[in-house]
């Protein structure tokens, strides 16, 4: 019986590893896309006040959403 239990445990760990691998790939792709957008729009931020304001508002809202998601996972 313990042999089957060991195989089942290993199988579950393997499944969890595969699920988290896709999640981490998605997060890293999002971070890369965000960095690319930030580097391209860096020149536009220097002289445009309205763009700065709207970007700051968007960043605050995204921060709020992330805080709410963090609260949901607790």
PDB file of N, CA and C in Angstrom:
ATOM      1  N   UNK A   1       0.809  -1.191   0.000  1.00  0.00           N
ATOM      2  CA  UNK A   1       0.000   0.000   0.000  1.00  0.00           C
ATOM      3  C   UNK A   1       0.853   1.256   0.000  1.00  0.00           C
ATOM      4  N   UNK A   2       1.942   1.250   0.728  1.00  0.00           N
ATOM      5  CA  UNK A   2       2.755   2.460   0.833  1.00  0.00           C
ATOM      6  C   UNK A   2       3.407   2.819  -0.499  1.00  0.00           C
ATOM      7  N   UNK A   3       3.664   1.814  -1.340  1.00  0.00           N
ATOM      8  CA  UNK A   3       4.229   2.084  -2.664  1.00  0.00           C
ATOM      9  C   UNK A   3       3.259   2.871  -3.525  1.00  0.00           C
ATOM     10  N   UNK A   4       1.982   2.492  -3.477  1.00  0.00           N
ATOM     11  CA  UNK A   4       0.968   3.226  -4.235  1.00  0.00           C
ATOM     12  C   UNK A   4       0.783   4.632  -3.691  1.00  0.00           C
ATOM     13  N   UNK A   5       0.855   4.754  -2.382  1.00  0.00           N
ATOM     14  CA  UNK A   5       0.714   6.071  -1.760  1.00  0.00           C
ATOM     15  C   UNK A   5       1.861   6.989  -2.179  1.00  0.00           C
ATOM     16  N   UNK A   6       3.061   6.443  -2.252  1.00  0.00           N
ATOM     17  CA  UNK A   6       4.229   7.217  -2.676  1.00  0.00           C
ATOM     18  C   UNK A   6       4.080   7.664  -4.128  1.00  0.00           C
ATOM     19  N   UNK A   7       3.638   6.749  -4.987  1.00  0.00           N
ATOM     20  CA  UNK A   7       3.443   7.089  -6.400  1.00  0.00           C
ATOM     21  C   UNK A   7       2.381   8.173  -6.543  1.00  0.00           C
ATOM     22  N   UNK A   8       1.294   8.060  -5.788  1.00  0.00           N
ATOM     23  CA  UNK A   8       0.228   9.060  -5.839  1.00  0.00           C
ATOM     24  C   UNK A   8       0.730  10.422  -5.368  1.00  0.00           C
ATOM     25  N   UNK A   9       1.526  10.446  -4.317  1.00  0.00           N
ATOM     26  CA  UNK A   9       2.075  11.701  -3.802  1.00  0.00           C
ATOM     27  C   UNK A   9       2.995  12.351  -4.824  1.00  0.00           C
ATOM     28  N   UNK A  10       3.839  11.539  -5.439  1.00  0.00           N
ATOM     29  CA  UNK A  10       4.751  12.072  -6.457  1.00  0.00           C
ATOM     30  C   UNK A  10       3.945  12.629  -7.635  1.00  0.00           C
ATOM     31  N   UNK A  11       2.886  11.921  -8.029  1.00  0.00           N
ATOM     32  CA  UNK A  11       2.052  12.375  -9.139  1.00  0.00           C
ATOM     33  C   UNK A  11       1.379  13.707  -8.823  1.00  0.00           C
ATOM     34  N   UNK A  12       0.884  13.852  -7.591  1.00  0.00           N
ATOM     35  CA  UNK A  12       0.250  15.111  -7.191  1.00  0.00           C
ATOM     36  C   UNK A  12       1.252  16.259  -7.199  1.00  0.00           C
ATOM     37  N   UNK A  13       2.460  16.022  -6.708  1.00  0.00           N
ATOM     38  CA  UNK A  13       3.489  17.064  -6.709  1.00  0.00           C
ATOM     39  C   UNK A  13       3.859  17.461  -8.131  1.00  0.00           C
ATOM     40  N   UNK A  14       3.925  16.479  -9.023  1.00  0.00           N
ATOM     41  CA  UNK A  14       4.236  16.757 -10.415  1.00  0.00           C
ATOM     42  C   UNK A  14       3.134  17.611 -11.054  1.00  0.00           C
ATOM     43  N   UNK A  15       1.876  17.291 -10.769  1.00  0.00           N
ATOM     44  CA  UNK A  15       0.762  18.083 -11.295  1.00  0.00           C
ATOM     45  C   UNK A  15       0.808  19.517 -10.771  1.00  0.00           C
ATOM     46  N   UNK A  16       1.071  19.686  -9.481  1.00  0.00           N
ATOM     47  CA  UNK A  16       1.151  21.032  -8.908  1.00  0.00           C
ATOM     48  C   UNK A  16       2.296  21.811  -9.535  1.00  0.00           C
ATOM     49  N   UNK A  17       3.412  21.145  -9.780  1.00  0.00           N
ATOM     50  CA  UNK A  17       4.555  21.804 -10.408  1.00  0.00           C
ATOM     51  C   UNK A  17       4.179  22.303 -11.801  1.00  0.00           C
ATOM     52  N   UNK A  18       3.497  21.465 -12.579  1.00  0.00           N
ATOM     53  CA  UNK A  18       3.105  21.875 -13.937  1.00  0.00           C
ATOM     54  C   UNK A  18       2.120  23.034 -13.915  1.00  0.00           C
ATOM     55  N   UNK A  19       1.194  23.049 -12.977  1.00  0.00           N
ATOM     56  CA  UNK A  19       0.234  24.140 -12.886  1.00  0.00           C
ATOM     57  C   UNK A  19       0.923  25.450 -12.521  1.00  0.00           C
ATOM     58  N   UNK A  20       1.834  25.420 -11.580  1.00  0.00           N
ATOM     59  CA  UNK A  20       2.510  26.649 -11.174  1.00  0.00           C
ATOM     60  C   UNK A  20       3.483  27.126 -12.239  1.00  0.00           C
ATOM     61  N   UNK A  21       4.002  26.222 -13.042  1.00  0.00           N
ATOM     62  CA  UNK A  21       4.918  26.618 -14.107  1.00  0.00           C
ATOM     63  C   UNK A  21       4.217  27.541 -15.098  1.00  0.00           C
ATOM     64  N   UNK A  22       2.991  27.225 -15.483  1.00  0.00           N
ATOM     65  CA  UNK A  22       2.239  28.081 -16.390  1.00  0.00           C
ATOM     66  C   UNK A  22       1.902  29.416 -15.769  1.00  0.00           C
ATOM     67  N   UNK A  23       1.575  29.405 -14.486  1.00  0.00           N
ATOM     68  CA  UNK A  23       1.269  30.641 -13.771  1.00  0.00           C
ATOM     69  C   UNK A  23       2.482  31.562 -13.736  1.00  0.00           C
ATOM     70  N   UNK A  24       3.641  31.019 -13.441  1.00  0.00           N
ATOM     71  CA  UNK A  24       4.863  31.819 -13.377  1.00  0.00           C
ATOM     72  C   UNK A  24       5.230  32.348 -14.761  1.00  0.00           C
ATOM     73  N   UNK A  25       5.017  31.545 -15.799  1.00  0.00           N
ATOM     74  CA  UNK A  25       5.279  32.025 -17.159  1.00  0.00           C
ATOM     75  C   UNK A  25       4.385  33.211 -17.500  1.00  0.00           C
ATOM     76  N   UNK A  26       3.124  33.151 -17.097  1.00  0.00           N
ATOM     77  CA  UNK A  26       2.201  34.258 -17.354  1.00  0.00           C
ATOM     78  C   UNK A  26       2.607  35.524 -16.635  1.00  0.00           C
ATOM     79  N   UNK A  27       3.015  35.385 -15.384  1.00  0.00           N
ATOM     80  CA  UNK A  27       3.461  36.555 -14.623  1.00  0.00           C
ATOM     81  C   UNK A  27       4.710  37.151 -15.246  1.00  0.00           C
ATOM     82  N   UNK A  28       5.659  36.305 -15.631  1.00  0.00           N
ATOM     83  CA  UNK A  28       6.890  36.837 -16.218  1.00  0.00           C
ATOM     84  C   UNK A  28       6.619  37.502 -17.569  1.00  0.00           C
ATOM     85  N   UNK A  29       5.702  36.959 -18.359  1.00  0.00           N
ATOM     86  CA  UNK A  29       5.357  37.594 -19.637  1.00  0.00           C
ATOM     87  C   UNK A  29       4.717  38.958 -19.394  1.00  0.00           C
ATOM     88  N   UNK A  30       3.875  39.057 -18.388  1.00  0.00           N
ATOM     89  CA  UNK A  30       3.270  40.344 -18.045  1.00  0.00           C
ATOM     90  C   UNK A  30       4.294  41.364 -17.596  1.00  0.00           C
ATOM     91  N   UNK A  31       5.255  40.912 -16.805  1.00  0.00           N
ATOM     92  CA  UNK A  31       6.307  41.828 -16.356  1.00  0.00           C
ATOM     93  C   UNK A  31       7.159  42.317 -17.519  1.00  0.00           C
ATOM     94  N   UNK A  32       7.492  41.422 -18.438  1.00  0.00           N
ATOM     95  CA  UNK A  32       8.286  41.819 -19.603  1.00  0.00           C
ATOM     96  C   UNK A  32       7.513  42.816 -20.460  1.00  0.00           C
ATOM     97  N   UNK A  33       6.226  42.564 -20.665  1.00  0.00           N
ATOM     98  CA  UNK A  33       5.415  43.492 -21.456  1.00  0.00           C
ATOM     99  C   UNK A  33       5.318  44.853 -20.768  1.00  0.00           C
ATOM    100  N   UNK A  34       5.154  44.847 -19.458  1.00  0.00           N
ATOM    101  CA  UNK A  34       5.096  46.105 -18.711  1.00  0.00           C
ATOM    102  C   UNK A  34       6.388  46.895 -18.798  1.00  0.00           C
ATOM    103  N   UNK A  35       7.498  46.194 -18.691  1.00  0.00           N
ATOM    104  CA  UNK A  35       8.791  46.876 -18.810  1.00  0.00           C
ATOM    105  C   UNK A  35       8.990  47.448 -20.207  1.00  0.00           C
ATOM    106  N   UNK A  36       8.541  46.729 -21.225  1.00  0.00           N
ATOM    107  CA  UNK A  36       8.674  47.232 -22.594  1.00  0.00           C
ATOM    108  C   UNK A  36       7.836  48.490 -22.790  1.00  0.00           C
ATOM    109  N   UNK A  37       6.625  48.484 -22.296  1.00  0.00           N
ATOM    110  CA  UNK A  37       5.758  49.664 -22.423  1.00  0.00           C
ATOM    111  C   UNK A  37       6.345  50.833 -21.641  1.00  0.00           C
ATOM    112  N   UNK A  38       6.872  50.558 -20.457  1.00  0.00           N
ATOM    113  CA  UNK A  38       7.453  51.628 -19.647  1.00  0.00           C
ATOM    114  C   UNK A  38       8.674  52.245 -20.323  1.00  0.00           C
ATOM    115  N   UNK A  39       9.503  51.427 -20.924  1.00  0.00           N
ATOM    116  CA  UNK A  39      10.696  51.972 -21.572  1.00  0.00           C
ATOM    117  C   UNK A  39      10.345  52.763 -22.831  1.00  0.00           C
ATOM    118  N   UNK A  40       9.323  52.325 -23.568  1.00  0.00           N
ATOM    119  CA  UNK A  40       8.924  53.043 -24.781  1.00  0.00           C
ATOM    120  C   UNK A  40       8.259  54.364 -24.432  1.00  0.00           C
ATOM    121  N   UNK A  41       7.444  54.372 -23.385  1.00  0.00           N
ATOM    122  CA  UNK A  41       6.704  55.588 -23.048  1.00  0.00           C
ATOM    123  C   UNK A  41       7.478  56.535 -22.133  1.00  0.00           C
ATOM    124  N   UNK A  42       8.694  56.218 -21.819  1.00  0.00           N
ATOM    125  CA  UNK A  42       9.487  57.057 -20.925  1.00  0.00           C
ATOM    126  C   UNK A  42       9.686  58.463 -21.501  1.00  0.00           C
ATOM    127  N   UNK A  43       9.920  58.561 -22.787  1.00  0.00           N
ATOM    128  CA  UNK A  43      10.120  59.877 -23.405  1.00  0.00           C
ATOM    129  C   UNK A  43       8.828  60.686 -23.413  1.00  0.00           C
ATOM    130  N   UNK A  44       7.702  60.035 -23.546  1.00  0.00           N
ATOM    131  CA  UNK A  44       6.425  60.744 -23.582  1.00  0.00           C
ATOM    132  C   UNK A  44       6.094  61.350 -22.222  1.00  0.00           C
ATOM    133  N   UNK A  45       6.572  60.752 -21.146  1.00  0.00           N
ATOM    134  CA  UNK A  45       6.281  61.239 -19.804  1.00  0.00           C
ATOM    135  C   UNK A  45       7.024  62.534 -19.467  1.00  0.00           C
ATOM    136  N   UNK A  46       8.108  62.785 -20.090  1.00  0.00           N
ATOM    137  CA  UNK A  46       8.970  63.892 -19.668  1.00  0.00           C
ATOM    138  C   UNK A  46       8.300  65.257 -19.784  1.00  0.00           C
ATOM    139  N   UNK A  47       7.513  65.496 -20.829  1.00  0.00           N
ATOM    140  CA  UNK A  47       6.943  66.825 -21.036  1.00  0.00           C
ATOM    141  C   UNK A  47       5.415  66.854 -21.030  1.00  0.00           C
ATOM    142  N   UNK A  48       4.747  65.772 -20.732  1.00  0.00           N
ATOM    143  CA  UNK A  48       3.301  65.728 -20.836  1.00  0.00           C
ATOM    144  C   UNK A  48       2.685  65.524 -19.454  1.00  0.00           C
ATOM    145  N   UNK A  49       2.159  66.580 -18.870  1.00  0.00           N
ATOM    146  CA  UNK A  49       1.605  66.509 -17.508  1.00  0.00           C
ATOM    147  C   UNK A  49       0.334  65.676 -17.449  1.00  0.00           C
ATOM    148  N   UNK A  50      -0.540  65.826 -18.440  1.00  0.00           N
ATOM    149  CA  UNK A  50      -1.800  65.074 -18.427  1.00  0.00           C
ATOM    150  C   UNK A  50      -1.532  63.573 -18.484  1.00  0.00           C
ATOM    151  N   UNK A  51      -0.558  63.159 -19.273  1.00  0.00           N
ATOM    152  CA  UNK A  51      -0.200  61.748 -19.362  1.00  0.00           C
ATOM    153  C   UNK A  51       0.336  61.252 -18.018  1.00  0.00           C
ATOM    154  N   UNK A  52       1.122  62.088 -17.354  1.00  0.00           N
ATOM    155  CA  UNK A  52       1.643  61.712 -16.037  1.00  0.00           C
ATOM    156  C   UNK A  52       0.513  61.512 -15.038  1.00  0.00           C
ATOM    157  N   UNK A  53      -0.451  62.422 -15.056  1.00  0.00           N
ATOM    158  CA  UNK A  53      -1.575  62.320 -14.114  1.00  0.00           C
ATOM    159  C   UNK A  53      -2.394  61.062 -14.353  1.00  0.00           C
ATOM    160  N   UNK A  54      -2.721  60.815 -15.597  1.00  0.00           N
ATOM    161  CA  UNK A  54      -3.543  59.637 -15.898  1.00  0.00           C
ATOM    162  C   UNK A  54      -2.778  58.343 -15.604  1.00  0.00           C
ATOM    163  N   UNK A  55      -1.478  58.350 -15.850  1.00  0.00           N
ATOM    164  CA  UNK A  55      -0.683  57.156 -15.543  1.00  0.00           C
ATOM    165  C   UNK A  55      -0.609  56.928 -14.040  1.00  0.00           C
ATOM    166  N   UNK A  56      -0.482  57.996 -13.268  1.00  0.00           N
ATOM    167  CA  UNK A  56      -0.447  57.850 -11.815  1.00  0.00           C
ATOM    168  C   UNK A  56      -1.782  57.323 -11.285  1.00  0.00           C
ATOM    169  N   UNK A  57      -2.888  57.820 -11.848  1.00  0.00           N
ATOM    170  CA  UNK A  57      -4.200  57.318 -11.437  1.00  0.00           C
ATOM    171  C   UNK A  57      -4.327  55.835 -11.759  1.00  0.00           C
ATOM    172  N   UNK A  58      -3.888  55.451 -12.943  1.00  0.00           N
ATOM    173  CA  UNK A  58      -3.968  54.040 -13.342  1.00  0.00           C
ATOM    174  C   UNK A  58      -3.103  53.165 -12.438  1.00  0.00           C
ATOM    175  N   UNK A  59      -1.923  53.646 -12.087  1.00  0.00           N
ATOM    176  CA  UNK A  59      -1.037  52.870 -11.212  1.00  0.00           C
ATOM    177  C   UNK A  59      -1.660  52.702  -9.833  1.00  0.00           C
ATOM    178  N   UNK A  60      -2.310  53.731  -9.329  1.00  0.00           N
ATOM    179  CA  UNK A  60      -2.964  53.621  -8.021  1.00  0.00           C
ATOM    180  C   UNK A  60      -4.103  52.615  -8.065  1.00  0.00           C
ATOM    181  N   UNK A  61      -4.878  52.629  -9.160  1.00  0.00           N
ATOM    182  CA  UNK A  61      -5.987  51.681  -9.273  1.00  0.00           C
ATOM    183  C   UNK A  61      -5.495  50.246  -9.395  1.00  0.00           C
ATOM    184  N   UNK A  62      -4.426  50.043 -10.149  1.00  0.00           N
ATOM    185  CA  UNK A  62      -3.858  48.698 -10.269  1.00  0.00           C
ATOM    186  C   UNK A  62      -3.325  48.240  -8.918  1.00  0.00           C
ATOM    187  N   UNK A  63      -2.710  49.138  -8.176  1.00  0.00           N
ATOM    188  CA  UNK A  63      -2.241  48.794  -6.834  1.00  0.00           C
ATOM    189  C   UNK A  63      -3.389  48.392  -5.929  1.00  0.00           C
ATOM    190  N   UNK A  64      -4.517  49.093  -6.041  1.00  0.00           N
ATOM    191  CA  UNK A  64      -5.693  48.738  -5.256  1.00  0.00           C
ATOM    192  C   UNK A  64      -6.231  47.365  -5.626  1.00  0.00           C
ATOM    193  N   UNK A  65      -6.246  47.070  -6.917  1.00  0.00           N
ATOM    194  CA  UNK A  65      -6.715  45.758  -7.367  1.00  0.00           C
ATOM    195  C   UNK A  65      -5.800  44.661  -6.833  1.00  0.00           C
ATOM    196  N   UNK A  66      -4.499  44.889  -6.897  1.00  0.00           N
ATOM    197  CA  UNK A  66      -3.556  43.884  -6.383  1.00  0.00           C
ATOM    198  C   UNK A  66      -3.710  43.704  -4.880  1.00  0.00           C
ATOM    199  N   UNK A  67      -3.963  44.781  -4.158  1.00  0.00           N
ATOM    200  CA  UNK A  67      -4.197  44.664  -2.713  1.00  0.00           C
ATOM    201  C   UNK A  67      -5.448  43.841  -2.434  1.00  0.00           C
ATOM    202  N   UNK A  68      -6.507  44.075  -3.237  1.00  0.00           N
ATOM    203  CA  UNK A  68      -7.736  43.302  -3.047  1.00  0.00           C
ATOM    204  C   UNK A  68      -7.512  41.821  -3.355  1.00  0.00           C
ATOM    205  N   UNK A  69      -6.720  41.523  -4.392  1.00  0.00           N
ATOM    206  CA  UNK A  69      -6.430  40.134  -4.713  1.00  0.00           C
ATOM    207  C   UNK A  69      -5.615  39.487  -3.595  1.00  0.00           C
ATOM    208  N   UNK A  70      -4.679  40.233  -3.047  1.00  0.00           N
ATOM    209  CA  UNK A  70      -3.879  39.710  -1.938  1.00  0.00           C
ATOM    210  C   UNK A  70      -4.768  39.401  -0.750  1.00  0.00           C
ATOM    211  N   UNK A  71      -5.738  40.258  -0.487  1.00  0.00           N
ATOM    212  CA  UNK A  71      -6.657  40.037   0.631  1.00  0.00           C
ATOM    213  C   UNK A  71      -7.514  38.796   0.379  1.00  0.00           C
ATOM    214  N   UNK A  72      -7.930  38.581  -0.877  1.00  0.00           N
ATOM    215  CA  UNK A  72      -8.764  37.420  -1.189  1.00  0.00           C
ATOM    216  C   UNK A  72      -8.004  36.108  -0.987  1.00  0.00           C
ATOM    217  N   UNK A  73      -6.707  36.097  -1.252  1.00  0.00           N
ATOM    218  CA  UNK A  73      -5.926  34.870  -1.132  1.00  0.00           C
ATOM    219  C   UNK A  73      -5.536  34.557   0.300  1.00  0.00           C
ATOM    220  N   UNK A  74      -5.747  35.471   1.233  1.00  0.00           N
ATOM    221  CA  UNK A  74      -5.386  35.218   2.629  1.00  0.00           C
ATOM    222  C   UNK A  74      -6.370  34.305   3.293  1.00  0.00           C
TER     223      UNK A  74
END
